[in-house]
């Protein structure tokens, strides 16, 4: 795995895809996702492109899919919250009025794919039913694949608690035939860009995703 240089962007040496996190401070991902640190206290929040700290704190936990898109677009990609604003215009997220702050729902694949095609010129295809073998076939066609997995895929040595709810970007095949993936909520360099065997990956995988070319 490439070393984590402590900056906001590092490049995966094998595939030249930026390794990015959905939270503005990579070193705080672990404390944030495991509940020890308030995301509203993230000192780098403005680097996300959010207009306000409240907007950042409310949304950053929902932006794994757009972080995958940002990685796929490369180092010249818009900021995370520029992508959020664009995706909202296409209905890729919805907000309900329930509760004091409302509820955010998404990423919704079909309008997301439309947004990606029309605004960013990327051929995005929704796969509502997808197998692990089909992921490798898409990779062989030169595509990267956003796949729905359980967020605990960052700890594959433990039994999977379930499937789906989080998006990671699969960018290629590992040397042993497994998958090379980029995780927006990886807690360190080795979980942000990781190689996983197909058998380790499958229990976390929900069988759906979006391929990008």
N, C-alpha and C. Protein backbone atom coordinates (compact mmCIF):
# COMPACT_ATOMS: atom_id res chain seq x y z
N UNK A 1 0.83 -1.20 0.00
CA UNK A 1 0.00 0.00 0.00
C UNK A 1 0.87 1.25 0.00
N UNK A 2 0.39 2.32 -0.69
CA UNK A 2 1.16 3.54 -0.67
C UNK A 2 1.13 4.17 0.70
N UNK A 3 2.17 4.87 1.10
CA UNK A 3 2.18 5.51 2.41
C UNK A 3 1.19 6.65 2.46
N UNK A 4 0.65 6.89 3.64
CA UNK A 4 -0.25 8.02 3.86
C UNK A 4 0.62 9.21 4.24
N UNK A 5 0.63 10.24 3.37
CA UNK A 5 1.55 11.36 3.62
C UNK A 5 0.93 12.44 4.50
N UNK A 6 -0.31 12.18 4.99
CA UNK A 6 -0.93 13.15 5.89
C UNK A 6 -1.60 14.28 5.17
N UNK A 7 -1.53 14.32 3.83
CA UNK A 7 -2.18 15.38 3.08
C UNK A 7 -3.62 15.05 2.78
N UNK A 8 -4.25 15.92 2.01
CA UNK A 8 -5.65 15.72 1.68
C UNK A 8 -5.82 14.77 0.49
N UNK A 9 -4.82 14.67 -0.38
CA UNK A 9 -4.91 13.80 -1.55
C UNK A 9 -3.61 13.03 -1.68
N UNK A 10 -3.70 11.73 -1.87
CA UNK A 10 -2.53 10.94 -2.22
C UNK A 10 -2.90 10.10 -3.43
N UNK A 11 -1.92 9.65 -4.20
CA UNK A 11 -2.19 8.89 -5.40
C UNK A 11 -1.81 7.44 -5.20
N UNK A 12 -2.71 6.57 -5.63
CA UNK A 12 -2.41 5.14 -5.63
C UNK A 12 -1.41 4.85 -6.72
N UNK A 13 -0.23 4.36 -6.37
CA UNK A 13 0.84 4.20 -7.33
C UNK A 13 0.51 3.20 -8.42
N UNK A 14 -0.37 2.23 -8.11
CA UNK A 14 -0.66 1.19 -9.10
C UNK A 14 -1.70 1.62 -10.12
N UNK A 15 -2.62 2.50 -9.73
CA UNK A 15 -3.70 2.81 -10.66
C UNK A 15 -3.89 4.31 -10.85
N UNK A 16 -3.13 5.12 -10.20
CA UNK A 16 -3.15 6.57 -10.38
C UNK A 16 -4.52 7.18 -10.11
N UNK A 17 -5.27 6.56 -9.25
CA UNK A 17 -6.56 7.10 -8.83
C UNK A 17 -6.34 7.80 -7.49
N UNK A 18 -6.79 9.05 -7.33
CA UNK A 18 -6.61 9.72 -6.03
C UNK A 18 -7.28 8.93 -4.92
N UNK A 19 -6.66 8.88 -3.76
CA UNK A 19 -7.24 8.23 -2.59
C UNK A 19 -7.80 9.32 -1.69
N UNK A 20 -9.13 9.42 -1.65
CA UNK A 20 -9.80 10.51 -0.95
C UNK A 20 -10.75 9.96 0.11
N UNK A 21 -11.01 10.76 1.12
CA UNK A 21 -11.97 10.40 2.15
C UNK A 21 -13.17 11.35 2.10
N UNK A 22 -14.31 10.87 2.56
CA UNK A 22 -15.51 11.70 2.57
C UNK A 22 -15.49 12.71 3.71
N UNK A 23 -14.59 12.51 4.65
CA UNK A 23 -14.38 13.47 5.74
C UNK A 23 -13.14 14.28 5.43
N UNK A 24 -13.15 15.56 5.77
CA UNK A 24 -12.11 16.47 5.30
C UNK A 24 -10.74 16.18 5.90
N UNK A 25 -10.70 15.63 7.09
CA UNK A 25 -9.42 15.31 7.73
C UNK A 25 -9.22 13.80 7.73
N UNK A 26 -8.38 13.26 6.85
CA UNK A 26 -8.21 11.80 6.79
C UNK A 26 -7.81 11.18 8.12
N UNK A 27 -7.00 11.89 8.88
CA UNK A 27 -6.53 11.34 10.14
C UNK A 27 -7.63 11.23 11.19
N UNK A 28 -8.79 11.86 10.93
CA UNK A 28 -9.90 11.82 11.88
C UNK A 28 -11.00 10.85 11.47
N UNK A 29 -10.81 10.15 10.34
CA UNK A 29 -11.88 9.26 9.89
C UNK A 29 -12.20 8.21 10.94
N UNK A 30 -11.18 7.56 11.49
CA UNK A 30 -11.43 6.54 12.50
C UNK A 30 -12.20 7.07 13.69
N UNK A 31 -11.72 8.14 14.33
CA UNK A 31 -12.47 8.69 15.46
C UNK A 31 -13.89 9.14 15.09
N UNK A 32 -14.08 9.65 13.88
CA UNK A 32 -15.42 10.08 13.47
C UNK A 32 -16.34 8.88 13.29
N UNK A 33 -15.92 7.89 12.51
CA UNK A 33 -16.85 6.80 12.18
C UNK A 33 -17.11 5.89 13.37
N UNK A 34 -16.22 5.86 14.34
CA UNK A 34 -16.45 5.03 15.51
C UNK A 34 -16.93 5.84 16.72
N UNK A 35 -17.37 7.08 16.46
CA UNK A 35 -18.12 7.83 17.44
C UNK A 35 -17.35 8.55 18.50
N UNK A 36 -16.02 8.63 18.37
CA UNK A 36 -15.23 9.29 19.41
C UNK A 36 -15.07 10.79 19.15
N UNK A 37 -15.33 11.22 17.92
CA UNK A 37 -15.02 12.60 17.54
C UNK A 37 -16.22 13.18 16.80
N UNK A 38 -16.59 14.40 17.17
CA UNK A 38 -17.72 15.09 16.55
C UNK A 38 -17.29 15.63 15.19
N UNK A 39 -17.97 15.20 14.13
CA UNK A 39 -17.58 15.66 12.79
C UNK A 39 -17.71 17.17 12.66
N UNK A 40 -18.52 17.80 13.50
CA UNK A 40 -18.64 19.26 13.47
C UNK A 40 -17.40 19.95 14.00
N UNK A 41 -16.49 19.19 14.58
CA UNK A 41 -15.22 19.75 15.07
C UNK A 41 -14.07 19.49 14.10
N UNK A 42 -14.35 18.99 12.91
CA UNK A 42 -13.31 18.72 11.92
C UNK A 42 -12.66 20.04 11.51
N UNK A 43 -11.38 20.25 11.80
CA UNK A 43 -10.77 21.55 11.54
C UNK A 43 -10.58 21.85 10.05
N UNK A 44 -10.63 20.83 9.21
CA UNK A 44 -10.40 21.02 7.77
C UNK A 44 -11.71 21.09 6.98
N UNK A 45 -12.84 21.27 7.65
CA UNK A 45 -14.14 21.14 7.00
C UNK A 45 -14.26 22.00 5.75
N UNK A 46 -13.68 23.20 5.74
CA UNK A 46 -13.84 24.11 4.60
C UNK A 46 -13.19 23.56 3.33
N UNK A 47 -12.20 22.65 3.47
CA UNK A 47 -11.57 22.07 2.30
C UNK A 47 -12.51 21.18 1.50
N UNK A 48 -13.64 20.80 2.10
CA UNK A 48 -14.64 19.98 1.41
C UNK A 48 -15.42 20.78 0.38
N UNK A 49 -15.35 22.11 0.46
CA UNK A 49 -16.16 22.95 -0.40
C UNK A 49 -17.51 23.30 0.20
N UNK A 50 -17.80 22.82 1.40
CA UNK A 50 -19.06 23.17 2.06
C UNK A 50 -19.10 24.65 2.38
N UNK A 51 -20.28 25.23 2.27
CA UNK A 51 -20.42 26.67 2.53
C UNK A 51 -20.38 26.98 4.02
N UNK A 52 -20.85 26.06 4.84
CA UNK A 52 -20.89 26.28 6.28
C UNK A 52 -20.47 25.01 7.00
N UNK A 53 -20.05 25.15 8.24
CA UNK A 53 -19.71 24.00 9.06
C UNK A 53 -20.93 23.12 9.29
N UNK A 54 -22.10 23.73 9.52
CA UNK A 54 -23.31 22.94 9.75
C UNK A 54 -23.64 22.08 8.54
N UNK A 55 -23.47 22.65 7.33
CA UNK A 55 -23.74 21.90 6.11
C UNK A 55 -22.78 20.72 6.00
N UNK A 56 -21.52 20.97 6.26
CA UNK A 56 -20.53 19.90 6.23
C UNK A 56 -20.88 18.79 7.22
N UNK A 57 -21.15 19.16 8.46
CA UNK A 57 -21.39 18.16 9.50
C UNK A 57 -22.64 17.33 9.20
N UNK A 58 -23.63 17.94 8.60
CA UNK A 58 -24.87 17.23 8.31
C UNK A 58 -24.69 16.25 7.14
N UNK A 59 -23.87 16.62 6.16
CA UNK A 59 -23.80 15.85 4.92
C UNK A 59 -22.62 14.90 4.79
N UNK A 60 -21.52 15.15 5.46
CA UNK A 60 -20.29 14.41 5.14
C UNK A 60 -20.45 12.90 5.31
N UNK A 61 -21.26 12.47 6.24
CA UNK A 61 -21.47 11.05 6.44
C UNK A 61 -22.26 10.38 5.35
N UNK A 62 -22.86 11.18 4.45
CA UNK A 62 -23.69 10.63 3.37
C UNK A 62 -22.99 10.66 2.01
N UNK A 63 -21.76 11.10 1.94
CA UNK A 63 -21.15 11.41 0.65
C UNK A 63 -20.09 10.40 0.20
N UNK A 64 -20.24 9.15 0.62
CA UNK A 64 -19.29 8.13 0.16
C UNK A 64 -19.37 7.95 -1.35
N UNK A 65 -20.58 7.95 -1.92
CA UNK A 65 -20.72 7.77 -3.35
C UNK A 65 -20.10 8.90 -4.15
N UNK A 66 -20.29 10.12 -3.70
CA UNK A 66 -19.71 11.25 -4.42
C UNK A 66 -18.20 11.32 -4.22
N UNK A 67 -17.71 10.80 -3.11
CA UNK A 67 -16.26 10.69 -2.96
C UNK A 67 -15.71 9.68 -3.94
N UNK A 68 -16.43 8.59 -4.17
CA UNK A 68 -16.03 7.62 -5.20
C UNK A 68 -16.00 8.29 -6.56
N UNK A 69 -17.03 9.07 -6.88
CA UNK A 69 -17.05 9.79 -8.16
C UNK A 69 -15.87 10.74 -8.25
N UNK A 70 -15.59 11.44 -7.19
CA UNK A 70 -14.49 12.40 -7.19
C UNK A 70 -13.16 11.69 -7.44
N UNK A 71 -12.99 10.52 -6.86
CA UNK A 71 -11.77 9.75 -7.12
C UNK A 71 -11.71 9.32 -8.58
N UNK A 72 -12.85 8.87 -9.12
CA UNK A 72 -12.88 8.40 -10.51
C UNK A 72 -12.60 9.54 -11.49
N UNK A 73 -13.02 10.76 -11.15
CA UNK A 73 -12.79 11.90 -12.03
C UNK A 73 -11.34 12.35 -12.02
N UNK A 74 -10.59 11.99 -10.98
CA UNK A 74 -9.18 12.31 -10.95
C UNK A 74 -8.85 13.58 -10.20
N UNK A 75 -7.57 13.95 -10.17
CA UNK A 75 -7.12 15.08 -9.36
C UNK A 75 -7.75 16.42 -9.72
N UNK A 76 -8.28 16.57 -10.92
CA UNK A 76 -8.89 17.85 -11.31
C UNK A 76 -10.39 17.90 -11.01
N UNK A 77 -10.91 16.93 -10.28
CA UNK A 77 -12.34 16.87 -9.98
C UNK A 77 -12.78 18.07 -9.15
N UNK A 78 -14.05 18.46 -9.27
CA UNK A 78 -14.58 19.51 -8.40
C UNK A 78 -14.52 19.10 -6.94
N UNK A 79 -14.75 20.06 -6.06
CA UNK A 79 -14.77 19.75 -4.63
C UNK A 79 -15.94 18.82 -4.33
N UNK A 80 -15.88 18.19 -3.17
CA UNK A 80 -16.92 17.24 -2.78
C UNK A 80 -18.29 17.90 -2.73
N UNK A 81 -18.37 19.09 -2.18
CA UNK A 81 -19.67 19.73 -2.05
C UNK A 81 -20.14 20.38 -3.35
N UNK A 82 -19.25 20.67 -4.27
CA UNK A 82 -19.69 21.04 -5.62
C UNK A 82 -20.38 19.85 -6.27
N UNK A 83 -19.83 18.66 -6.10
CA UNK A 83 -20.48 17.47 -6.61
C UNK A 83 -21.81 17.24 -5.91
N UNK A 84 -21.86 17.45 -4.62
CA UNK A 84 -23.13 17.31 -3.88
C UNK A 84 -24.19 18.24 -4.44
N UNK A 85 -23.83 19.49 -4.66
CA UNK A 85 -24.81 20.46 -5.18
C UNK A 85 -25.31 20.04 -6.56
N UNK A 86 -24.40 19.53 -7.40
CA UNK A 86 -24.81 19.08 -8.72
C UNK A 86 -25.71 17.87 -8.65
N UNK A 87 -25.37 16.91 -7.80
CA UNK A 87 -26.18 15.70 -7.67
C UNK A 87 -27.57 16.02 -7.12
N UNK A 88 -27.65 16.98 -6.22
CA UNK A 88 -28.95 17.38 -5.68
C UNK A 88 -29.87 17.90 -6.78
N UNK A 89 -29.33 18.65 -7.73
CA UNK A 89 -30.15 19.20 -8.81
C UNK A 89 -30.77 18.10 -9.66
N UNK A 90 -30.13 16.94 -9.70
CA UNK A 90 -30.64 15.82 -10.49
C UNK A 90 -31.49 14.86 -9.67
N UNK A 91 -31.67 15.15 -8.39
CA UNK A 91 -32.46 14.28 -7.54
C UNK A 91 -31.75 13.04 -7.06
N UNK A 92 -30.42 13.06 -7.05
CA UNK A 92 -29.66 11.89 -6.60
C UNK A 92 -29.71 11.73 -5.09
N UNK A 93 -30.12 12.74 -4.38
CA UNK A 93 -30.42 12.68 -2.95
C UNK A 93 -31.78 13.31 -2.73
N UNK A 94 -32.47 12.86 -1.70
CA UNK A 94 -33.71 13.51 -1.30
C UNK A 94 -33.62 13.85 0.18
N UNK A 95 -34.36 14.87 0.57
CA UNK A 95 -34.39 15.30 1.96
C UNK A 95 -35.83 15.34 2.43
N UNK A 96 -36.11 14.71 3.54
CA UNK A 96 -37.45 14.76 4.12
C UNK A 96 -37.45 15.80 5.23
N UNK A 97 -38.65 16.17 5.67
CA UNK A 97 -38.78 17.17 6.73
C UNK A 97 -38.89 16.54 8.10
N UNK A 98 -38.65 15.25 8.21
CA UNK A 98 -38.78 14.56 9.48
C UNK A 98 -37.71 15.02 10.47
N UNK A 99 -38.11 15.28 11.68
CA UNK A 99 -37.14 15.65 12.70
C UNK A 99 -36.66 17.08 12.56
N UNK A 100 -35.85 17.51 13.50
CA UNK A 100 -35.39 18.88 13.52
C UNK A 100 -34.53 19.22 12.32
N UNK A 101 -33.66 18.29 11.90
CA UNK A 101 -32.75 18.56 10.79
C UNK A 101 -33.16 17.87 9.50
N UNK A 102 -34.26 17.10 9.54
CA UNK A 102 -34.66 16.36 8.35
C UNK A 102 -33.81 15.13 8.15
N UNK A 103 -34.16 14.36 7.14
CA UNK A 103 -33.47 13.12 6.85
C UNK A 103 -32.94 13.14 5.43
N UNK A 104 -31.70 12.76 5.24
CA UNK A 104 -31.08 12.69 3.92
C UNK A 104 -31.16 11.25 3.44
N UNK A 105 -31.63 11.07 2.21
CA UNK A 105 -31.72 9.73 1.62
C UNK A 105 -30.98 9.72 0.30
N UNK A 106 -30.25 8.69 0.03
CA UNK A 106 -29.48 8.59 -1.20
C UNK A 106 -28.19 7.85 -0.90
N UNK A 107 -27.44 7.62 -1.85
CA UNK A 107 -27.39 8.01 -3.24
C UNK A 107 -28.40 7.18 -4.06
N UNK A 108 -29.20 7.86 -4.92
CA UNK A 108 -30.17 7.18 -5.76
C UNK A 108 -29.52 7.00 -7.13
N UNK A 109 -29.36 5.74 -7.53
CA UNK A 109 -28.47 5.43 -8.65
C UNK A 109 -28.88 6.04 -9.97
N UNK A 110 -30.15 5.95 -10.36
CA UNK A 110 -30.54 6.38 -11.71
C UNK A 110 -30.31 7.88 -11.92
N UNK A 111 -30.78 8.76 -11.05
CA UNK A 111 -30.48 10.18 -11.26
C UNK A 111 -29.01 10.52 -11.09
N UNK A 112 -28.33 9.76 -10.24
CA UNK A 112 -26.88 9.94 -10.11
C UNK A 112 -26.19 9.65 -11.44
N UNK A 113 -26.54 8.54 -12.07
CA UNK A 113 -25.92 8.18 -13.34
C UNK A 113 -26.23 9.23 -14.41
N UNK A 114 -27.45 9.74 -14.40
CA UNK A 114 -27.80 10.80 -15.36
C UNK A 114 -26.94 12.05 -15.13
N UNK A 115 -26.77 12.42 -13.88
CA UNK A 115 -25.92 13.57 -13.53
C UNK A 115 -24.49 13.35 -14.01
N UNK A 116 -23.95 12.17 -13.76
CA UNK A 116 -22.57 11.89 -14.13
C UNK A 116 -22.40 11.95 -15.65
N UNK A 117 -23.36 11.40 -16.37
CA UNK A 117 -23.26 11.41 -17.84
C UNK A 117 -23.38 12.81 -18.40
N UNK A 118 -24.38 13.56 -17.93
CA UNK A 118 -24.68 14.85 -18.54
C UNK A 118 -23.71 15.96 -18.11
N UNK A 119 -23.27 15.93 -16.87
CA UNK A 119 -22.44 17.01 -16.36
C UNK A 119 -20.96 16.70 -16.50
N UNK A 120 -20.57 15.46 -16.29
CA UNK A 120 -19.15 15.12 -16.26
C UNK A 120 -18.69 14.32 -17.48
N UNK A 121 -19.61 13.96 -18.36
CA UNK A 121 -19.23 13.27 -19.58
C UNK A 121 -18.68 11.88 -19.35
N UNK A 122 -19.08 11.25 -18.27
CA UNK A 122 -18.63 9.90 -17.94
C UNK A 122 -19.77 8.92 -18.22
N UNK A 123 -19.46 7.82 -18.88
CA UNK A 123 -20.46 6.80 -19.17
C UNK A 123 -20.74 6.03 -17.89
N UNK A 124 -21.89 6.31 -17.26
CA UNK A 124 -22.26 5.67 -16.00
C UNK A 124 -23.43 4.72 -16.26
N UNK A 125 -23.29 3.49 -15.80
CA UNK A 125 -24.32 2.47 -16.00
C UNK A 125 -24.72 1.91 -14.65
N UNK A 126 -26.02 1.89 -14.39
CA UNK A 126 -26.55 1.34 -13.14
C UNK A 126 -26.66 -0.18 -13.27
N UNK A 127 -26.20 -0.88 -12.25
CA UNK A 127 -26.30 -2.35 -12.20
C UNK A 127 -27.09 -2.70 -10.94
N UNK A 128 -28.37 -2.95 -11.14
CA UNK A 128 -29.22 -3.25 -9.98
C UNK A 128 -28.99 -4.67 -9.46
N UNK A 129 -28.50 -5.55 -10.31
CA UNK A 129 -28.16 -6.91 -9.91
C UNK A 129 -26.77 -7.19 -10.47
N UNK A 130 -25.82 -7.39 -9.57
CA UNK A 130 -24.42 -7.48 -9.96
C UNK A 130 -23.75 -8.58 -9.15
N UNK A 131 -23.00 -9.43 -9.81
CA UNK A 131 -22.25 -10.47 -9.12
C UNK A 131 -20.78 -10.06 -9.02
N UNK A 132 -20.05 -10.75 -8.18
CA UNK A 132 -18.62 -10.49 -8.05
C UNK A 132 -17.91 -10.77 -9.37
N UNK A 133 -18.30 -11.85 -10.04
CA UNK A 133 -17.69 -12.17 -11.33
C UNK A 133 -17.98 -11.09 -12.36
N UNK A 134 -19.16 -10.49 -12.30
CA UNK A 134 -19.49 -9.42 -13.23
C UNK A 134 -18.66 -8.17 -12.95
N UNK A 135 -18.32 -7.93 -11.68
CA UNK A 135 -17.43 -6.80 -11.35
C UNK A 135 -16.10 -6.99 -12.06
N UNK A 136 -15.54 -8.18 -11.99
CA UNK A 136 -14.24 -8.41 -12.64
C UNK A 136 -14.36 -8.26 -14.15
N UNK A 137 -15.50 -8.64 -14.72
CA UNK A 137 -15.70 -8.45 -16.15
C UNK A 137 -15.75 -6.98 -16.52
N UNK A 138 -16.40 -6.17 -15.71
CA UNK A 138 -16.45 -4.72 -15.97
C UNK A 138 -15.05 -4.11 -15.85
N UNK A 139 -14.27 -4.56 -14.87
CA UNK A 139 -12.90 -4.08 -14.74
C UNK A 139 -12.09 -4.42 -15.99
N UNK A 140 -12.30 -5.62 -16.52
CA UNK A 140 -11.57 -6.03 -17.71
C UNK A 140 -11.96 -5.21 -18.93
N UNK A 141 -13.15 -4.59 -18.91
CA UNK A 141 -13.58 -3.70 -19.98
C UNK A 141 -13.02 -2.29 -19.82
N UNK A 142 -12.25 -2.06 -18.77
CA UNK A 142 -11.67 -0.75 -18.53
C UNK A 142 -12.53 0.16 -17.68
N UNK A 143 -13.54 -0.40 -17.03
CA UNK A 143 -14.40 0.41 -16.17
C UNK A 143 -13.93 0.36 -14.72
N UNK A 144 -14.27 1.38 -13.95
CA UNK A 144 -14.21 1.29 -12.50
C UNK A 144 -15.65 1.11 -12.02
N UNK A 145 -15.82 0.56 -10.83
CA UNK A 145 -17.16 0.19 -10.39
C UNK A 145 -17.38 0.66 -8.95
N UNK A 146 -18.39 1.49 -8.77
CA UNK A 146 -18.85 1.85 -7.43
C UNK A 146 -19.76 0.73 -6.95
N UNK A 147 -19.44 0.13 -5.83
CA UNK A 147 -20.23 -1.01 -5.36
C UNK A 147 -20.73 -0.76 -3.95
N UNK A 148 -21.93 -1.29 -3.69
CA UNK A 148 -22.54 -1.16 -2.37
C UNK A 148 -22.05 -2.28 -1.47
N UNK A 149 -21.46 -1.89 -0.35
CA UNK A 149 -20.91 -2.85 0.61
C UNK A 149 -21.27 -2.39 2.02
N UNK A 150 -21.08 -3.25 2.99
CA UNK A 150 -21.21 -2.82 4.38
C UNK A 150 -19.98 -2.01 4.75
N UNK A 151 -20.18 -0.95 5.53
CA UNK A 151 -19.05 -0.07 5.84
C UNK A 151 -17.95 -0.76 6.63
N UNK A 152 -18.26 -1.87 7.28
CA UNK A 152 -17.24 -2.58 8.03
C UNK A 152 -16.30 -3.38 7.14
N UNK A 153 -16.41 -3.18 5.84
CA UNK A 153 -15.43 -3.78 4.93
C UNK A 153 -14.02 -3.28 5.24
N UNK A 154 -13.93 -2.19 5.98
CA UNK A 154 -12.60 -1.70 6.39
C UNK A 154 -11.95 -2.64 7.40
N UNK A 155 -12.72 -3.59 7.96
CA UNK A 155 -12.17 -4.57 8.90
C UNK A 155 -12.55 -5.98 8.43
N UNK A 156 -12.00 -6.38 7.26
CA UNK A 156 -12.44 -7.65 6.66
C UNK A 156 -12.04 -8.89 7.44
N UNK A 157 -11.16 -8.72 8.41
CA UNK A 157 -10.76 -9.86 9.22
C UNK A 157 -11.87 -10.27 10.19
N UNK A 158 -12.87 -9.41 10.32
CA UNK A 158 -14.01 -9.72 11.18
C UNK A 158 -15.19 -10.19 10.33
N UNK A 159 -16.11 -10.99 10.91
CA UNK A 159 -17.29 -11.40 10.14
C UNK A 159 -18.10 -10.18 9.71
N UNK A 160 -18.64 -10.23 8.50
CA UNK A 160 -19.43 -9.10 8.01
C UNK A 160 -20.74 -8.98 8.80
N UNK A 161 -21.08 -7.75 9.28
CA UNK A 161 -22.34 -7.56 9.99
C UNK A 161 -23.54 -7.49 9.05
N UNK A 162 -23.29 -7.37 7.73
CA UNK A 162 -24.39 -7.24 6.79
C UNK A 162 -23.85 -6.90 5.41
N UNK A 163 -24.76 -6.45 4.55
CA UNK A 163 -24.40 -6.12 3.18
C UNK A 163 -25.00 -4.77 2.82
N UNK A 164 -24.21 -3.93 2.17
CA UNK A 164 -24.72 -2.66 1.64
C UNK A 164 -24.73 -1.54 2.66
N UNK A 165 -25.12 -0.35 2.15
CA UNK A 165 -25.21 0.84 2.98
C UNK A 165 -24.05 1.80 2.83
N UNK A 166 -23.00 1.38 2.12
CA UNK A 166 -21.80 2.19 1.94
C UNK A 166 -21.26 1.92 0.55
N UNK A 167 -20.61 2.90 -0.08
CA UNK A 167 -20.07 2.74 -1.42
C UNK A 167 -18.56 2.85 -1.43
N UNK A 168 -17.92 1.93 -2.12
CA UNK A 168 -16.48 1.99 -2.36
C UNK A 168 -16.26 1.91 -3.86
N UNK A 169 -15.08 2.33 -4.30
CA UNK A 169 -14.74 2.34 -5.72
C UNK A 169 -13.74 1.23 -6.01
N UNK A 170 -14.13 0.28 -6.85
CA UNK A 170 -13.23 -0.78 -7.28
C UNK A 170 -12.58 -0.34 -8.58
N UNK A 171 -11.25 -0.28 -8.58
CA UNK A 171 -10.55 0.31 -9.71
C UNK A 171 -9.75 -0.68 -10.54
N UNK A 172 -9.56 -1.90 -10.05
CA UNK A 172 -8.77 -2.86 -10.82
C UNK A 172 -8.67 -4.17 -10.08
N UNK A 173 -7.90 -5.06 -10.70
CA UNK A 173 -7.67 -6.37 -10.11
C UNK A 173 -6.39 -6.35 -9.30
N UNK A 174 -6.42 -7.03 -8.18
CA UNK A 174 -5.21 -7.21 -7.38
C UNK A 174 -4.33 -8.27 -8.03
N UNK A 175 -3.08 -8.32 -7.60
CA UNK A 175 -2.12 -9.25 -8.20
C UNK A 175 -2.57 -10.70 -8.07
N UNK A 176 -3.31 -11.01 -7.01
CA UNK A 176 -3.75 -12.40 -6.80
C UNK A 176 -5.10 -12.69 -7.44
N UNK A 177 -5.62 -11.74 -8.24
CA UNK A 177 -6.91 -11.93 -8.88
C UNK A 177 -8.08 -11.34 -8.12
N UNK A 178 -7.81 -10.82 -6.94
CA UNK A 178 -8.86 -10.17 -6.16
C UNK A 178 -9.16 -8.78 -6.67
N UNK A 179 -9.71 -7.94 -5.81
CA UNK A 179 -10.14 -6.60 -6.20
C UNK A 179 -9.28 -5.55 -5.51
N UNK A 180 -8.96 -4.49 -6.26
CA UNK A 180 -8.28 -3.33 -5.69
C UNK A 180 -9.34 -2.25 -5.51
N UNK A 181 -9.54 -1.80 -4.27
CA UNK A 181 -10.61 -0.86 -4.00
C UNK A 181 -10.15 0.34 -3.20
N UNK A 182 -10.89 1.42 -3.37
CA UNK A 182 -10.67 2.67 -2.65
C UNK A 182 -11.89 2.93 -1.77
N UNK A 183 -11.66 3.08 -0.49
CA UNK A 183 -12.75 3.22 0.48
C UNK A 183 -12.79 4.64 1.03
N UNK A 184 -13.86 5.39 0.77
CA UNK A 184 -13.96 6.78 1.26
C UNK A 184 -13.95 6.91 2.78
N UNK A 185 -14.25 5.82 3.49
CA UNK A 185 -14.21 5.89 4.95
C UNK A 185 -13.16 4.96 5.53
N UNK A 186 -12.11 4.69 4.75
CA UNK A 186 -10.99 3.94 5.30
C UNK A 186 -10.31 4.71 6.41
N UNK A 187 -9.90 4.01 7.45
CA UNK A 187 -9.38 4.69 8.63
C UNK A 187 -7.89 4.94 8.59
N UNK A 188 -7.20 4.34 7.61
CA UNK A 188 -5.77 4.56 7.44
C UNK A 188 -5.42 4.24 6.00
N UNK A 189 -4.14 4.39 5.65
CA UNK A 189 -3.73 4.19 4.26
C UNK A 189 -4.06 2.79 3.77
N UNK A 190 -3.89 1.79 4.63
CA UNK A 190 -4.11 0.41 4.23
C UNK A 190 -5.55 0.02 4.05
N UNK A 191 -6.48 0.82 4.57
CA UNK A 191 -7.90 0.54 4.35
C UNK A 191 -8.54 1.52 3.37
N UNK A 192 -7.84 2.61 3.06
CA UNK A 192 -8.34 3.53 2.02
C UNK A 192 -8.06 2.98 0.63
N UNK A 193 -6.93 2.36 0.44
CA UNK A 193 -6.63 1.65 -0.80
C UNK A 193 -6.24 0.24 -0.38
N UNK A 194 -7.07 -0.73 -0.74
CA UNK A 194 -6.89 -2.09 -0.23
C UNK A 194 -7.07 -3.12 -1.33
N UNK A 195 -6.34 -4.21 -1.22
CA UNK A 195 -6.56 -5.38 -2.07
C UNK A 195 -7.33 -6.41 -1.25
N UNK A 196 -8.40 -6.95 -1.83
CA UNK A 196 -9.20 -7.96 -1.14
C UNK A 196 -9.43 -9.14 -2.06
N UNK A 197 -9.35 -10.33 -1.50
CA UNK A 197 -9.72 -11.52 -2.27
C UNK A 197 -11.22 -11.49 -2.54
N UNK A 198 -11.65 -12.17 -3.58
CA UNK A 198 -13.08 -12.22 -3.90
C UNK A 198 -13.87 -12.85 -2.77
N UNK A 199 -13.30 -13.85 -2.12
CA UNK A 199 -14.02 -14.53 -1.04
C UNK A 199 -14.15 -13.64 0.19
N UNK A 200 -13.17 -12.78 0.46
CA UNK A 200 -13.27 -11.84 1.57
C UNK A 200 -14.25 -10.71 1.26
N UNK A 201 -14.29 -10.29 0.00
CA UNK A 201 -15.15 -9.18 -0.41
C UNK A 201 -16.62 -9.57 -0.42
N UNK A 202 -16.94 -10.75 -0.87
CA UNK A 202 -18.32 -11.13 -1.16
C UNK A 202 -19.28 -10.99 0.03
N UNK A 203 -18.90 -11.35 1.27
CA UNK A 203 -19.87 -11.25 2.36
C UNK A 203 -20.31 -9.82 2.68
N UNK A 204 -19.57 -8.82 2.25
CA UNK A 204 -19.92 -7.42 2.51
C UNK A 204 -20.74 -6.81 1.36
N UNK A 205 -20.75 -7.49 0.21
CA UNK A 205 -21.26 -6.94 -1.04
C UNK A 205 -22.76 -7.14 -1.16
N UNK A 206 -23.47 -6.06 -1.54
CA UNK A 206 -24.94 -6.10 -1.62
C UNK A 206 -25.46 -6.46 -3.01
N UNK A 207 -24.57 -6.69 -3.98
CA UNK A 207 -25.02 -7.14 -5.28
C UNK A 207 -25.56 -6.05 -6.18
N UNK A 208 -25.07 -4.84 -6.03
CA UNK A 208 -25.50 -3.73 -6.88
C UNK A 208 -24.40 -2.68 -6.94
N UNK A 209 -24.49 -1.80 -7.95
CA UNK A 209 -23.50 -0.75 -8.08
C UNK A 209 -23.69 0.06 -9.33
N UNK A 210 -22.69 0.90 -9.62
CA UNK A 210 -22.68 1.75 -10.81
C UNK A 210 -21.28 1.66 -11.42
N UNK A 211 -21.21 1.32 -12.71
CA UNK A 211 -19.91 1.28 -13.36
C UNK A 211 -19.67 2.58 -14.11
N UNK A 212 -18.40 2.97 -14.19
CA UNK A 212 -17.99 4.26 -14.77
C UNK A 212 -16.91 4.00 -15.80
N UNK A 213 -17.03 4.69 -16.96
CA UNK A 213 -16.05 4.50 -18.00
C UNK A 213 -15.84 5.83 -18.73
